[in-house]
Structure formats: structure tokens, C-alpha cells
């Protein structure tokens, strides 16, 4: 189970580095999610990964950190699945209007969360 947390943390760190180094990719992803209605599919994946983190927490070195991050991801994933179309569109529009600097800061937070997961595993 620790392997699952490590794989997830590496994937999160890689994704965060991509966002920091190439912030325009994030903007393209948001545009693609808007066109193809991928927002719900992405949230389903996030919810499944969060469930895996919560289930794996007990076998990790610092279980409360893994449980907290997994629980927050699970809460956000489930709540996003319950949102109405208007709320989903407003979230996507908010992401589209972020500047490159703000997207880089978001990427830095993603890298920090991934590193925290890796250390706690």
C-alpha cells in the first residue's frame, strides 16, 4: 500500500513541475476540459485516487498526513461531482482567467503536496 502512495506522490510532483515549467499546458488542459466536458471525468479519477490514499494511510510512516490529504481530495472530488453545471462552468472560467504567475504558484503548491505525500509515505 505504501507503493501506491509513493506512485501517486511522484505523479503529483511530476504534474506540479509541468505546471510550473509550462503553465500554458494548464491553460490548454482547462480549455480541453471545457470543450470535452472532461471536468467530471477528472474529478472521478481524483476521487478514486483519494480513496486509495485514505485506504493506504494506515500502512504509511505518517498516516495522518496521508489520510488528511486523501480525505481533502475525497471531499473535493465528491463535492465537485455533486455540483450543478453552472457551478462547474464558473470553476472552469475561474481557472481560465488566472495569470501565468498564478498558475505557476498553483503548480508550486501541487509540488509541495506531492513532496509531503512522498515524505509521509
PDB file of N, CA and C in Angstrom:
ATOM      1  N   UNK A   1       0.804  -1.196   0.000  1.00  0.00           N
ATOM      2  CA  UNK A   1       0.000   0.000   0.000  1.00  0.00           C
ATOM      3  C   UNK A   1       0.854   1.270   0.000  1.00  0.00           C
ATOM      4  N   UNK A   2       2.016   1.163   0.618  1.00  0.00           N
ATOM      5  CA  UNK A   2       2.920   2.321   0.617  1.00  0.00           C
ATOM      6  C   UNK A   2       3.345   2.640  -0.817  1.00  0.00           C
ATOM      7  N   UNK A   3       3.487   1.611  -1.631  1.00  0.00           N
ATOM      8  CA  UNK A   3       3.876   1.805  -3.035  1.00  0.00           C
ATOM      9  C   UNK A   3       2.851   2.672  -3.764  1.00  0.00           C
ATOM     10  N   UNK A   4       1.578   2.468  -3.468  1.00  0.00           N
ATOM     11  CA  UNK A   4       0.526   3.275  -4.101  1.00  0.00           C
ATOM     12  C   UNK A   4       0.721   4.749  -3.755  1.00  0.00           C
ATOM     13  N   UNK A   5       0.994   5.034  -2.494  1.00  0.00           N
ATOM     14  CA  UNK A   5       1.190   6.425  -2.066  1.00  0.00           C
ATOM     15  C   UNK A   5       2.418   7.016  -2.739  1.00  0.00           C
ATOM     16  N   UNK A   6       3.479   6.242  -2.839  1.00  0.00           N
ATOM     17  CA  UNK A   6       4.698   6.745  -3.487  1.00  0.00           C
ATOM     18  C   UNK A   6       4.474   7.019  -4.968  1.00  0.00           C
ATOM     19  N   UNK A   7       3.766   6.132  -5.643  1.00  0.00           N
ATOM     20  CA  UNK A   7       3.478   6.338  -7.071  1.00  0.00           C
ATOM     21  C   UNK A   7       2.608   7.580  -7.259  1.00  0.00           C
ATOM     22  N   UNK A   8       1.589   7.716  -6.419  1.00  0.00           N
ATOM     23  CA  UNK A   8       0.718   8.895  -6.508  1.00  0.00           C
ATOM     24  C   UNK A   8       1.518  10.165  -6.233  1.00  0.00           C
ATOM     25  N   UNK A   9       2.398  10.131  -5.227  1.00  0.00           N
ATOM     26  CA  UNK A   9       3.179  11.326  -4.907  1.00  0.00           C
ATOM     27  C   UNK A   9       4.118  11.705  -6.039  1.00  0.00           C
ATOM     28  N   UNK A  10       4.739  10.713  -6.671  1.00  0.00           N
ATOM     29  CA  UNK A  10       5.622  11.005  -7.812  1.00  0.00           C
ATOM     30  C   UNK A  10       4.814  11.602  -8.966  1.00  0.00           C
ATOM     31  N   UNK A  11       3.629  11.042  -9.225  1.00  0.00           N
ATOM     32  CA  UNK A  11       2.787  11.578 -10.296  1.00  0.00           C
ATOM     33  C   UNK A  11       2.369  13.017  -9.997  1.00  0.00           C
ATOM     34  N   UNK A  12       2.045  13.302  -8.743  1.00  0.00           N
ATOM     35  CA  UNK A  12       1.654  14.656  -8.360  1.00  0.00           C
ATOM     36  C   UNK A  12       2.835  15.616  -8.503  1.00  0.00           C
ATOM     37  N   UNK A  13       4.011  15.188  -8.083  1.00  0.00           N
ATOM     38  CA  UNK A  13       5.199  16.041  -8.214  1.00  0.00           C
ATOM     39  C   UNK A  13       5.508  16.324  -9.681  1.00  0.00           C
ATOM     40  N   UNK A  14       5.423  15.303 -10.516  1.00  0.00           N
ATOM     41  CA  UNK A  14       5.681  15.496 -11.955  1.00  0.00           C
ATOM     42  C   UNK A  14       4.661  16.468 -12.546  1.00  0.00           C
ATOM     43  N   UNK A  15       3.387  16.287 -12.202  1.00  0.00           N
ATOM     44  CA  UNK A  15       2.357  17.178 -12.725  1.00  0.00           C
ATOM     45  C   UNK A  15       2.599  18.616 -12.250  1.00  0.00           C
ATOM     46  N   UNK A  16       2.967  18.789 -10.989  1.00  0.00           N
ATOM     47  CA  UNK A  16       3.266  20.125 -10.475  1.00  0.00           C
ATOM     48  C   UNK A  16       4.442  20.769 -11.186  1.00  0.00           C
ATOM     49  N   UNK A  17       5.487  19.978 -11.465  1.00  0.00           N
ATOM     50  CA  UNK A  17       6.650  20.507 -12.195  1.00  0.00           C
ATOM     51  C   UNK A  17       6.268  20.923 -13.608  1.00  0.00           C
ATOM     52  N   UNK A  18       5.410  20.147 -14.246  1.00  0.00           N
ATOM     53  CA  UNK A  18       4.947  20.507 -15.590  1.00  0.00           C
ATOM     54  C   UNK A  18       4.193  21.831 -15.542  1.00  0.00           C
ATOM     55  N   UNK A  19       3.348  21.996 -14.525  1.00  0.00           N
ATOM     56  CA  UNK A  19       2.587  23.245 -14.394  1.00  0.00           C
ATOM     57  C   UNK A  19       3.527  24.434 -14.181  1.00  0.00           C
ATOM     58  N   UNK A  20       4.544  24.245 -13.330  1.00  0.00           N
ATOM     59  CA  UNK A  20       5.478  25.346 -13.051  1.00  0.00           C
ATOM     60  C   UNK A  20       6.312  25.679 -14.288  1.00  0.00           C
ATOM     61  N   UNK A  21       6.803  24.651 -14.978  1.00  0.00           N
ATOM     62  CA  UNK A  21       7.700  24.889 -16.113  1.00  0.00           C
ATOM     63  C   UNK A  21       6.965  25.291 -17.387  1.00  0.00           C
ATOM     64  N   UNK A  22       5.760  24.784 -17.570  1.00  0.00           N
ATOM     65  CA  UNK A  22       4.978  25.078 -18.776  1.00  0.00           C
ATOM     66  C   UNK A  22       3.546  25.430 -18.373  1.00  0.00           C
ATOM     67  N   UNK A  23       3.312  26.612 -17.815  1.00  0.00           N
ATOM     68  CA  UNK A  23       1.972  26.963 -17.329  1.00  0.00           C
ATOM     69  C   UNK A  23       0.913  27.016 -18.430  1.00  0.00           C
ATOM     70  N   UNK A  24       1.336  27.208 -19.646  1.00  0.00           N
ATOM     71  CA  UNK A  24       0.370  27.247 -20.751  1.00  0.00           C
ATOM     72  C   UNK A  24      -0.300  25.884 -20.958  1.00  0.00           C
ATOM     73  N   UNK A  25       0.378  24.817 -20.563  1.00  0.00           N
ATOM     74  CA  UNK A  25      -0.222  23.481 -20.661  1.00  0.00           C
ATOM     75  C   UNK A  25      -1.464  23.413 -19.774  1.00  0.00           C
ATOM     76  N   UNK A  26      -1.394  24.019 -18.610  1.00  0.00           N
ATOM     77  CA  UNK A  26      -2.546  24.035 -17.710  1.00  0.00           C
ATOM     78  C   UNK A  26      -3.713  24.774 -18.347  1.00  0.00           C
ATOM     79  N   UNK A  27      -3.420  25.888 -18.986  1.00  0.00           N
ATOM     80  CA  UNK A  27      -4.485  26.632 -19.660  1.00  0.00           C
ATOM     81  C   UNK A  27      -5.106  25.805 -20.786  1.00  0.00           C
ATOM     82  N   UNK A  28      -4.263  25.066 -21.531  1.00  0.00           N
ATOM     83  CA  UNK A  28      -4.785  24.205 -22.595  1.00  0.00           C
ATOM     84  C   UNK A  28      -5.634  23.078 -22.020  1.00  0.00           C
ATOM     85  N   UNK A  29      -5.215  22.541 -20.872  1.00  0.00           N
ATOM     86  CA  UNK A  29      -5.992  21.484 -20.227  1.00  0.00           C
ATOM     87  C   UNK A  29      -7.364  22.005 -19.805  1.00  0.00           C
ATOM     88  N   UNK A  30      -7.403  23.216 -19.279  1.00  0.00           N
ATOM     89  CA  UNK A  30      -8.677  23.807 -18.852  1.00  0.00           C
ATOM     90  C   UNK A  30      -9.580  24.019 -20.058  1.00  0.00           C
ATOM     91  N   UNK A  31      -9.005  24.499 -21.161  1.00  0.00           N
ATOM     92  CA  UNK A  31      -9.790  24.682 -22.383  1.00  0.00           C
ATOM     93  C   UNK A  31     -10.329  23.350 -22.883  1.00  0.00           C
ATOM     94  N   UNK A  32      -9.496  22.316 -22.833  1.00  0.00           N
ATOM     95  CA  UNK A  32      -9.924  20.984 -23.275  1.00  0.00           C
ATOM     96  C   UNK A  32     -11.029  20.448 -22.368  1.00  0.00           C
ATOM     97  N   UNK A  33     -10.887  20.648 -21.064  1.00  0.00           N
ATOM     98  CA  UNK A  33     -11.916  20.175 -20.137  1.00  0.00           C
ATOM     99  C   UNK A  33     -13.240  20.888 -20.400  1.00  0.00           C
ATOM    100  N   UNK A  34     -13.165  22.140 -20.786  1.00  0.00           N
ATOM    101  CA  UNK A  34     -14.383  22.899 -21.052  1.00  0.00           C
ATOM    102  C   UNK A  34     -15.068  22.391 -22.322  1.00  0.00           C
ATOM    103  N   UNK A  35     -14.276  22.125 -23.352  1.00  0.00           N
ATOM    104  CA  UNK A  35     -14.846  21.670 -24.623  1.00  0.00           C
ATOM    105  C   UNK A  35     -15.401  20.255 -24.518  1.00  0.00           C
ATOM    106  N   UNK A  36     -14.641  19.382 -23.972  1.00  0.00           N
ATOM    107  CA  UNK A  36     -14.990  17.963 -23.964  1.00  0.00           C
ATOM    108  C   UNK A  36     -15.772  17.530 -22.722  1.00  0.00           C
ATOM    109  N   UNK A  37     -16.058  18.460 -21.852  1.00  0.00           N
ATOM    110  CA  UNK A  37     -16.762  18.143 -20.606  1.00  0.00           C
ATOM    111  C   UNK A  37     -16.023  17.077 -19.801  1.00  0.00           C
ATOM    112  N   UNK A  38     -14.722  17.247 -19.721  1.00  0.00           N
ATOM    113  CA  UNK A  38     -13.867  16.296 -19.017  1.00  0.00           C
ATOM    114  C   UNK A  38     -13.799  16.580 -17.516  1.00  0.00           C
ATOM    115  N   UNK A  39     -14.399  17.654 -17.068  1.00  0.00           N
ATOM    116  CA  UNK A  39     -14.307  18.050 -15.664  1.00  0.00           C
ATOM    117  C   UNK A  39     -14.778  16.918 -14.743  1.00  0.00           C
ATOM    118  N   UNK A  40     -15.888  16.305 -15.079  1.00  0.00           N
ATOM    119  CA  UNK A  40     -16.421  15.231 -14.232  1.00  0.00           C
ATOM    120  C   UNK A  40     -15.525  13.999 -14.274  1.00  0.00           C
ATOM    121  N   UNK A  41     -14.985  13.675 -15.432  1.00  0.00           N
ATOM    122  CA  UNK A  41     -14.097  12.513 -15.536  1.00  0.00           C
ATOM    123  C   UNK A  41     -12.831  12.719 -14.710  1.00  0.00           C
ATOM    124  N   UNK A  42     -12.289  13.922 -14.753  1.00  0.00           N
ATOM    125  CA  UNK A  42     -11.097  14.239 -13.967  1.00  0.00           C
ATOM    126  C   UNK A  42     -11.411  14.127 -12.476  1.00  0.00           C
ATOM    127  N   UNK A  43     -12.575  14.587 -12.075  1.00  0.00           N
ATOM    128  CA  UNK A  43     -12.951  14.510 -10.671  1.00  0.00           C
ATOM    129  C   UNK A  43     -13.214  13.078 -10.217  1.00  0.00           C
ATOM    130  N   UNK A  44     -13.705  12.237 -11.098  1.00  0.00           N
ATOM    131  CA  UNK A  44     -13.874  10.821 -10.754  1.00  0.00           C
ATOM    132  C   UNK A  44     -12.508  10.193 -10.507  1.00  0.00           C
ATOM    133  N   UNK A  45     -11.542  10.508 -11.363  1.00  0.00           N
ATOM    134  CA  UNK A  45     -10.179   9.984 -11.173  1.00  0.00           C
ATOM    135  C   UNK A  45      -9.601  10.497  -9.851  1.00  0.00           C
ATOM    136  N   UNK A  46      -9.781  11.778  -9.577  1.00  0.00           N
ATOM    137  CA  UNK A  46      -9.281  12.356  -8.327  1.00  0.00           C
ATOM    138  C   UNK A  46      -9.931  11.685  -7.118  1.00  0.00           C
ATOM    139  N   UNK A  47     -11.215  11.390  -7.211  1.00  0.00           N
ATOM    140  CA  UNK A  47     -11.918  10.737  -6.113  1.00  0.00           C
ATOM    141  C   UNK A  47     -11.395   9.323  -5.891  1.00  0.00           C
ATOM    142  N   UNK A  48     -11.169   8.582  -6.956  1.00  0.00           N
ATOM    143  CA  UNK A  48     -10.653   7.214  -6.830  1.00  0.00           C
ATOM    144  C   UNK A  48      -9.245   7.224  -6.219  1.00  0.00           C
ATOM    145  N   UNK A  49      -8.384   8.136  -6.680  1.00  0.00           N
ATOM    146  CA  UNK A  49      -7.033   8.237  -6.131  1.00  0.00           C
ATOM    147  C   UNK A  49      -7.090   8.625  -4.656  1.00  0.00           C
ATOM    148  N   UNK A  50      -8.001   9.511  -4.306  1.00  0.00           N
ATOM    149  CA  UNK A  50      -8.142   9.925  -2.908  1.00  0.00           C
ATOM    150  C   UNK A  50      -8.601   8.771  -2.028  1.00  0.00           C
ATOM    151  N   UNK A  51      -9.505   7.949  -2.537  1.00  0.00           N
ATOM    152  CA  UNK A  51      -9.941   6.760  -1.786  1.00  0.00           C
ATOM    153  C   UNK A  51      -8.752   5.827  -1.570  1.00  0.00           C
ATOM    154  N   UNK A  52      -7.935   5.641  -2.601  1.00  0.00           N
ATOM    155  CA  UNK A  52      -6.739   4.802  -2.459  1.00  0.00           C
ATOM    156  C   UNK A  52      -5.793   5.367  -1.397  1.00  0.00           C
ATOM    157  N   UNK A  53      -5.638   6.683  -1.365  1.00  0.00           N
ATOM    158  CA  UNK A  53      -4.785   7.296  -0.351  1.00  0.00           C
ATOM    159  C   UNK A  53      -5.340   7.065   1.055  1.00  0.00           C
ATOM    160  N   UNK A  54      -6.639   7.248   1.212  1.00  0.00           N
ATOM    161  CA  UNK A  54      -7.253   7.045   2.525  1.00  0.00           C
ATOM    162  C   UNK A  54      -7.090   5.594   2.970  1.00  0.00           C
ATOM    163  N   UNK A  55      -7.292   4.658   2.056  1.00  0.00           N
ATOM    164  CA  UNK A  55      -7.154   3.243   2.399  1.00  0.00           C
ATOM    165  C   UNK A  55      -5.706   2.852   2.678  1.00  0.00           C
ATOM    166  N   UNK A  56      -4.769   3.545   2.060  1.00  0.00           N
ATOM    167  CA  UNK A  56      -3.348   3.240   2.237  1.00  0.00           C
ATOM    168  C   UNK A  56      -2.728   3.936   3.441  1.00  0.00           C
ATOM    169  N   UNK A  57      -3.421   4.859   4.043  1.00  0.00           N
ATOM    170  CA  UNK A  57      -2.843   5.682   5.105  1.00  0.00           C
ATOM    171  C   UNK A  57      -2.331   4.865   6.281  1.00  0.00           C
ATOM    172  N   UNK A  58      -3.028   3.816   6.651  1.00  0.00           N
ATOM    173  CA  UNK A  58      -2.648   3.073   7.858  1.00  0.00           C
ATOM    174  C   UNK A  58      -1.304   2.370   7.729  1.00  0.00           C
ATOM    175  N   UNK A  59      -0.863   2.104   6.523  1.00  0.00           N
ATOM    176  CA  UNK A  59       0.408   1.396   6.343  1.00  0.00           C
ATOM    177  C   UNK A  59       1.584   2.331   6.088  1.00  0.00           C
ATOM    178  N   UNK A  60       1.361   3.630   6.174  1.00  0.00           N
ATOM    179  CA  UNK A  60       2.420   4.602   5.895  1.00  0.00           C
ATOM    180  C   UNK A  60       3.097   5.067   7.181  1.00  0.00           C
ATOM    181  N   UNK A  61       4.221   5.743   7.008  1.00  0.00           N
ATOM    182  CA  UNK A  61       5.002   6.223   8.138  1.00  0.00           C
ATOM    183  C   UNK A  61       4.298   7.296   8.959  1.00  0.00           C
ATOM    184  N   UNK A  62       3.649   8.226   8.289  1.00  0.00           N
ATOM    185  CA  UNK A  62       2.900   9.294   8.962  1.00  0.00           C
ATOM    186  C   UNK A  62       1.462   9.224   8.423  1.00  0.00           C
ATOM    187  N   UNK A  63       0.657   8.316   8.989  1.00  0.00           N
ATOM    188  CA  UNK A  63      -0.660   8.051   8.396  1.00  0.00           C
ATOM    189  C   UNK A  63      -1.619   9.233   8.405  1.00  0.00           C
ATOM    190  N   UNK A  64      -1.522  10.107   9.407  1.00  0.00           N
ATOM    191  CA  UNK A  64      -2.491  11.191   9.459  1.00  0.00           C
ATOM    192  C   UNK A  64      -2.310  12.180   8.316  1.00  0.00           C
ATOM    193  N   UNK A  65      -1.077  12.338   7.824  1.00  0.00           N
ATOM    194  CA  UNK A  65      -0.832  13.242   6.693  1.00  0.00           C
ATOM    195  C   UNK A  65      -1.469  12.665   5.428  1.00  0.00           C
ATOM    196  N   UNK A  66      -1.244  11.372   5.208  1.00  0.00           N
ATOM    197  CA  UNK A  66      -1.817  10.712   4.030  1.00  0.00           C
ATOM    198  C   UNK A  66      -3.337  10.743   4.115  1.00  0.00           C
ATOM    199  N   UNK A  67      -3.865  10.438   5.305  1.00  0.00           N
ATOM    200  CA  UNK A  67      -5.314  10.436   5.496  1.00  0.00           C
ATOM    201  C   UNK A  67      -5.900  11.831   5.278  1.00  0.00           C
ATOM    202  N   UNK A  68      -5.216  12.861   5.772  1.00  0.00           N
ATOM    203  CA  UNK A  68      -5.693  14.235   5.615  1.00  0.00           C
ATOM    204  C   UNK A  68      -5.726  14.646   4.140  1.00  0.00           C
ATOM    205  N   UNK A  69      -4.636  14.395   3.425  1.00  0.00           N
ATOM    206  CA  UNK A  69      -4.588  14.772   2.007  1.00  0.00           C
ATOM    207  C   UNK A  69      -5.600  13.958   1.197  1.00  0.00           C
ATOM    208  N   UNK A  70      -5.679  12.663   1.489  1.00  0.00           N
ATOM    209  CA  UNK A  70      -6.667  11.822   0.806  1.00  0.00           C
ATOM    210  C   UNK A  70      -8.089  12.232   1.139  1.00  0.00           C
ATOM    211  N   UNK A  71      -8.337  12.562   2.398  1.00  0.00           N
ATOM    212  CA  UNK A  71      -9.674  12.987   2.803  1.00  0.00           C
ATOM    213  C   UNK A  71     -10.088  14.301   2.165  1.00  0.00           C
ATOM    214  N   UNK A  72      -9.147  15.245   2.091  1.00  0.00           N
ATOM    215  CA  UNK A  72      -9.451  16.523   1.432  1.00  0.00           C
ATOM    216  C   UNK A  72      -9.718  16.318  -0.062  1.00  0.00           C
ATOM    217  N   UNK A  73      -8.920  15.457  -0.683  1.00  0.00           N
ATOM    218  CA  UNK A  73      -9.149  15.151  -2.098  1.00  0.00           C
ATOM    219  C   UNK A  73     -10.479  14.459  -2.313  1.00  0.00           C
ATOM    220  N   UNK A  74     -10.825  13.557  -1.412  1.00  0.00           N
ATOM    221  CA  UNK A  74     -12.103  12.855  -1.499  1.00  0.00           C
ATOM    222  C   UNK A  74     -13.270  13.818  -1.312  1.00  0.00           C
ATOM    223  N   UNK A  75     -13.141  14.702  -0.348  1.00  0.00           N
ATOM    224  CA  UNK A  75     -14.184  15.696  -0.114  1.00  0.00           C
ATOM    225  C   UNK A  75     -14.371  16.613  -1.325  1.00  0.00           C
ATOM    226  N   UNK A  76     -13.273  17.079  -1.892  1.00  0.00           N
ATOM    227  CA  UNK A  76     -13.388  17.970  -3.048  1.00  0.00           C
ATOM    228  C   UNK A  76     -13.887  17.223  -4.283  1.00  0.00           C
ATOM    229  N   UNK A  77     -13.457  15.976  -4.442  1.00  0.00           N
ATOM    230  CA  UNK A  77     -13.912  15.194  -5.597  1.00  0.00           C
ATOM    231  C   UNK A  77     -15.395  14.895  -5.543  1.00  0.00           C
ATOM    232  N   UNK A  78     -15.878  14.486  -4.382  1.00  0.00           N
ATOM    233  CA  UNK A  78     -17.302  14.177  -4.237  1.00  0.00           C
ATOM    234  C   UNK A  78     -18.147  15.442  -4.361  1.00  0.00           C
ATOM    235  N   UNK A  79     -17.703  16.524  -3.728  1.00  0.00           N
ATOM    236  CA  UNK A  79     -18.481  17.760  -3.829  1.00  0.00           C
ATOM    237  C   UNK A  79     -18.499  18.288  -5.259  1.00  0.00           C
ATOM    238  N   UNK A  80     -17.410  18.125  -5.996  1.00  0.00           N
ATOM    239  CA  UNK A  80     -17.394  18.570  -7.396  1.00  0.00           C
ATOM    240  C   UNK A  80     -18.337  17.732  -8.252  1.00  0.00           C
ATOM    241  N   UNK A  81     -18.480  16.449  -7.909  1.00  0.00           N
ATOM    242  CA  UNK A  81     -19.401  15.597  -8.654  1.00  0.00           C
ATOM    243  C   UNK A  81     -20.858  15.967  -8.366  1.00  0.00           C
ATOM    244  N   UNK A  82     -21.106  16.567  -7.220  1.00  0.00           N
ATOM    245  CA  UNK A  82     -22.471  16.940  -6.850  1.00  0.00           C
ATOM    246  C   UNK A  82     -22.856  18.346  -7.310  1.00  0.00           C
ATOM    247  N   UNK A  83     -21.888  19.092  -7.825  1.00  0.00           N
ATOM    248  CA  UNK A  83     -22.152  20.469  -8.256  1.00  0.00           C
ATOM    249  C   UNK A  83     -23.032  20.503  -9.505  1.00  0.00           C
ATOM    250  N   UNK A  84     -23.745  21.606  -9.639  1.00  0.00           N
ATOM    251  CA  UNK A  84     -24.556  21.805 -10.833  1.00  0.00           C
ATOM    252  C   UNK A  84     -23.679  22.345 -11.952  1.00  0.00           C
ATOM    253  N   UNK A  85     -24.175  22.272 -13.170  1.00  0.00           N
ATOM    254  CA  UNK A  85     -23.414  22.694 -14.344  1.00  0.00           C
ATOM    255  C   UNK A  85     -22.950  24.146 -14.242  1.00  0.00           C
ATOM    256  N   UNK A  86     -23.786  25.016 -13.702  1.00  0.00           N
ATOM    257  CA  UNK A  86     -23.426  26.433 -13.583  1.00  0.00           C
ATOM    258  C   UNK A  86     -22.210  26.608 -12.672  1.00  0.00           C
ATOM    259  N   UNK A  87     -22.158  25.871 -11.579  1.00  0.00           N
ATOM    260  CA  UNK A  87     -21.027  25.966 -10.654  1.00  0.00           C
ATOM    261  C   UNK A  87     -19.758  25.404 -11.297  1.00  0.00           C
ATOM    262  N   UNK A  88     -19.891  24.303 -12.033  1.00  0.00           N
ATOM    263  CA  UNK A  88     -18.743  23.717 -12.723  1.00  0.00           C
ATOM    264  C   UNK A  88     -18.191  24.695 -13.759  1.00  0.00           C
ATOM    265  N   UNK A  89     -19.093  25.327 -14.507  1.00  0.00           N
ATOM    266  CA  UNK A  89     -18.663  26.313 -15.500  1.00  0.00           C
ATOM    267  C   UNK A  89     -17.969  27.503 -14.849  1.00  0.00           C
ATOM    268  N   UNK A  90     -18.428  27.916 -13.683  1.00  0.00           N
ATOM    269  CA  UNK A  90     -17.778  29.052 -13.020  1.00  0.00           C
ATOM    270  C   UNK A  90     -16.385  28.675 -12.523  1.00  0.00           C
ATOM    271  N   UNK A  91     -16.192  27.432 -12.080  1.00  0.00           N
ATOM    272  CA  UNK A  91     -14.864  26.968 -11.660  1.00  0.00           C
ATOM    273  C   UNK A  91     -13.920  26.952 -12.859  1.00  0.00           C
ATOM    274  N   UNK A  92     -14.394  26.434 -13.974  1.00  0.00           N
ATOM    275  CA  UNK A  92     -13.568  26.375 -15.182  1.00  0.00           C
ATOM    276  C   UNK A  92     -13.237  27.790 -15.663  1.00  0.00           C
ATOM    277  N   UNK A  93     -14.208  28.689 -15.626  1.00  0.00           N
ATOM    278  CA  UNK A  93     -13.956  30.078 -16.025  1.00  0.00           C
ATOM    279  C   UNK A  93     -12.954  30.747 -15.093  1.00  0.00           C
ATOM    280  N   UNK A  94     -13.025  30.448 -13.796  1.00  0.00           N
ATOM    281  CA  UNK A  94     -12.065  31.000 -12.852  1.00  0.00           C
ATOM    282  C   UNK A  94     -10.652  30.531 -13.191  1.00  0.00           C
ATOM    283  N   UNK A  95     -10.512  29.235 -13.493  1.00  0.00           N
ATOM    284  CA  UNK A  95      -9.193  28.705 -13.862  1.00  0.00           C
ATOM    285  C   UNK A  95      -8.665  29.343 -15.145  1.00  0.00           C
ATOM    286  N   UNK A  96      -9.561  29.598 -16.089  1.00  0.00           N
ATOM    287  CA  UNK A  96      -9.147  30.199 -17.362  1.00  0.00           C
ATOM    288  C   UNK A  96      -8.620  31.621 -17.196  1.00  0.00           C
ATOM    289  N   UNK A  97      -9.121  32.331 -16.210  1.00  0.00           N
ATOM    290  CA  UNK A  97      -8.745  33.735 -16.059  1.00  0.00           C
ATOM    291  C   UNK A  97      -7.497  33.944 -15.202  1.00  0.00           C
ATOM    292  N   UNK A  98      -6.911  32.891 -14.693  1.00  0.00           N
ATOM    293  CA  UNK A  98      -5.696  33.027 -13.881  1.00  0.00           C
ATOM    294  C   UNK A  98      -4.517  33.420 -14.751  1.00  0.00           C
ATOM    295  N   UNK A  99      -3.654  34.245 -14.202  1.00  0.00           N
ATOM    296  CA  UNK A  99      -2.457  34.664 -14.925  1.00  0.00           C
ATOM    297  C   UNK A  99      -1.418  33.537 -14.888  1.00  0.00           C
ATOM    298  N   UNK A 100      -0.392  33.681 -15.707  1.00  0.00           N
ATOM    299  CA  UNK A 100       0.680  32.687 -15.757  1.00  0.00           C
ATOM    300  C   UNK A 100       1.377  32.590 -14.405  1.00  0.00           C
ATOM    301  N   UNK A 101       1.573  33.718 -13.758  1.00  0.00           N
ATOM    302  CA  UNK A 101       2.224  33.735 -12.445  1.00  0.00           C
ATOM    303  C   UNK A 101       1.389  32.972 -11.412  1.00  0.00           C
ATOM    304  N   UNK A 102       0.087  33.160 -11.445  1.00  0.00           N
ATOM    305  CA  UNK A 102      -0.791  32.461 -10.504  1.00  0.00           C
ATOM    306  C   UNK A 102      -0.801  30.957 -10.777  1.00  0.00           C
ATOM    307  N   UNK A 103      -0.762  30.584 -12.034  1.00  0.00           N
ATOM    308  CA  UNK A 103      -0.720  29.161 -12.375  1.00  0.00           C
ATOM    309  C   UNK A 103       0.588  28.548 -11.896  1.00  0.00           C
ATOM    310  N   UNK A 104       1.682  29.280 -12.032  1.00  0.00           N
ATOM    311  CA  UNK A 104       2.967  28.786 -11.512  1.00  0.00           C
ATOM    312  C   UNK A 104       2.921  28.598 -10.005  1.00  0.00           C
ATOM    313  N   UNK A 105       2.261  29.509  -9.296  1.00  0.00           N
ATOM    314  CA  UNK A 105       2.121  29.360  -7.847  1.00  0.00           C
ATOM    315  C   UNK A 105       1.271  28.144  -7.503  1.00  0.00           C
ATOM    316  N   UNK A 106       0.214  27.916  -8.269  1.00  0.00           N
ATOM    317  CA  UNK A 106      -0.596  26.716  -8.059  1.00  0.00           C
ATOM    318  C   UNK A 106       0.248  25.454  -8.275  1.00  0.00           C
ATOM    319  N   UNK A 107       1.093  25.477  -9.293  1.00  0.00           N
ATOM    320  CA  UNK A 107       1.981  24.354  -9.554  1.00  0.00           C
ATOM    321  C   UNK A 107       2.949  24.113  -8.408  1.00  0.00           C
ATOM    322  N   UNK A 108       3.418  25.186  -7.798  1.00  0.00           N
ATOM    323  CA  UNK A 108       4.319  25.063  -6.654  1.00  0.00           C
ATOM    324  C   UNK A 108       3.607  24.397  -5.472  1.00  0.00           C
ATOM    325  N   UNK A 109       2.360  24.750  -5.262  1.00  0.00           N
ATOM    326  CA  UNK A 109       1.573  24.112  -4.196  1.00  0.00           C
ATOM    327  C   UNK A 109       1.383  22.629  -4.500  1.00  0.00           C
ATOM    328  N   UNK A 110       1.145  22.299  -5.749  1.00  0.00           N
ATOM    329  CA  UNK A 110       0.985  20.891  -6.145  1.00  0.00           C
ATOM    330  C   UNK A 110       2.278  20.114  -5.868  1.00  0.00           C
ATOM    331  N   UNK A 111       3.411  20.690  -6.198  1.00  0.00           N
ATOM    332  CA  UNK A 111       4.702  20.036  -5.924  1.00  0.00           C
ATOM    333  C   UNK A 111       4.885  19.844  -4.424  1.00  0.00           C
ATOM    334  N   UNK A 112       4.516  20.842  -3.633  1.00  0.00           N
ATOM    335  CA  UNK A 112       4.659  20.748  -2.174  1.00  0.00           C
ATOM    336  C   UNK A 112       3.766  19.641  -1.599  1.00  0.00           C
ATOM    337  N   UNK A 113       2.553  19.522  -2.094  1.00  0.00           N
ATOM    338  CA  UNK A 113       1.653  18.457  -1.620  1.00  0.00           C
ATOM    339  C   UNK A 113       2.218  17.093  -2.013  1.00  0.00           C
ATOM    340  N   UNK A 114       2.719  16.978  -3.232  1.00  0.00           N
ATOM    341  CA  UNK A 114       3.333  15.714  -3.656  1.00  0.00           C
ATOM    342  C   UNK A 114       4.550  15.352  -2.822  1.00  0.00           C
ATOM    343  N   UNK A 115       5.369  16.340  -2.514  1.00  0.00           N
ATOM    344  CA  UNK A 115       6.557  16.092  -1.671  1.00  0.00           C
ATOM    345  C   UNK A 115       6.136  15.699  -0.263  1.00  0.00           C
ATOM    346  N   UNK A 116       5.117  16.329   0.267  1.00  0.00           N
ATOM    347  CA  UNK A 116       4.616  15.970   1.592  1.00  0.00           C
ATOM    348  C   UNK A 116       4.107  14.531   1.612  1.00  0.00           C
ATOM    349  N   UNK A 117       3.419  14.137   0.565  1.00  0.00           N
ATOM    350  CA  UNK A 117       2.963  12.747   0.450  1.00  0.00           C
ATOM    351  C   UNK A 117       4.151  11.783   0.415  1.00  0.00           C
ATOM    352  N   UNK A 118       5.149  12.123  -0.382  1.00  0.00           N
ATOM    353  CA  UNK A 118       6.315  11.252  -0.510  1.00  0.00           C
ATOM    354  C   UNK A 118       7.060  11.108   0.817  1.00  0.00           C
ATOM    355  N   UNK A 119       7.197  12.200   1.540  1.00  0.00           N
ATOM    356  CA  UNK A 119       7.896  12.159   2.820  1.00  0.00           C
ATOM    357  C   UNK A 119       7.099  11.367   3.853  1.00  0.00           C
ATOM    358  N   UNK A 120       5.775  11.512   3.829  1.00  0.00           N
ATOM    359  CA  UNK A 120       4.928  10.830   4.821  1.00  0.00           C
ATOM    360  C   UNK A 120       4.732   9.351   4.509  1.00  0.00           C
ATOM    361  N   UNK A 121       5.029   8.937   3.304  1.00  0.00           N
ATOM    362  CA  UNK A 121       4.799   7.526   2.919  1.00  0.00           C
ATOM    363  C   UNK A 121       5.700   6.558   3.637  1.00  0.00           C
TER     364      UNK A 121
END
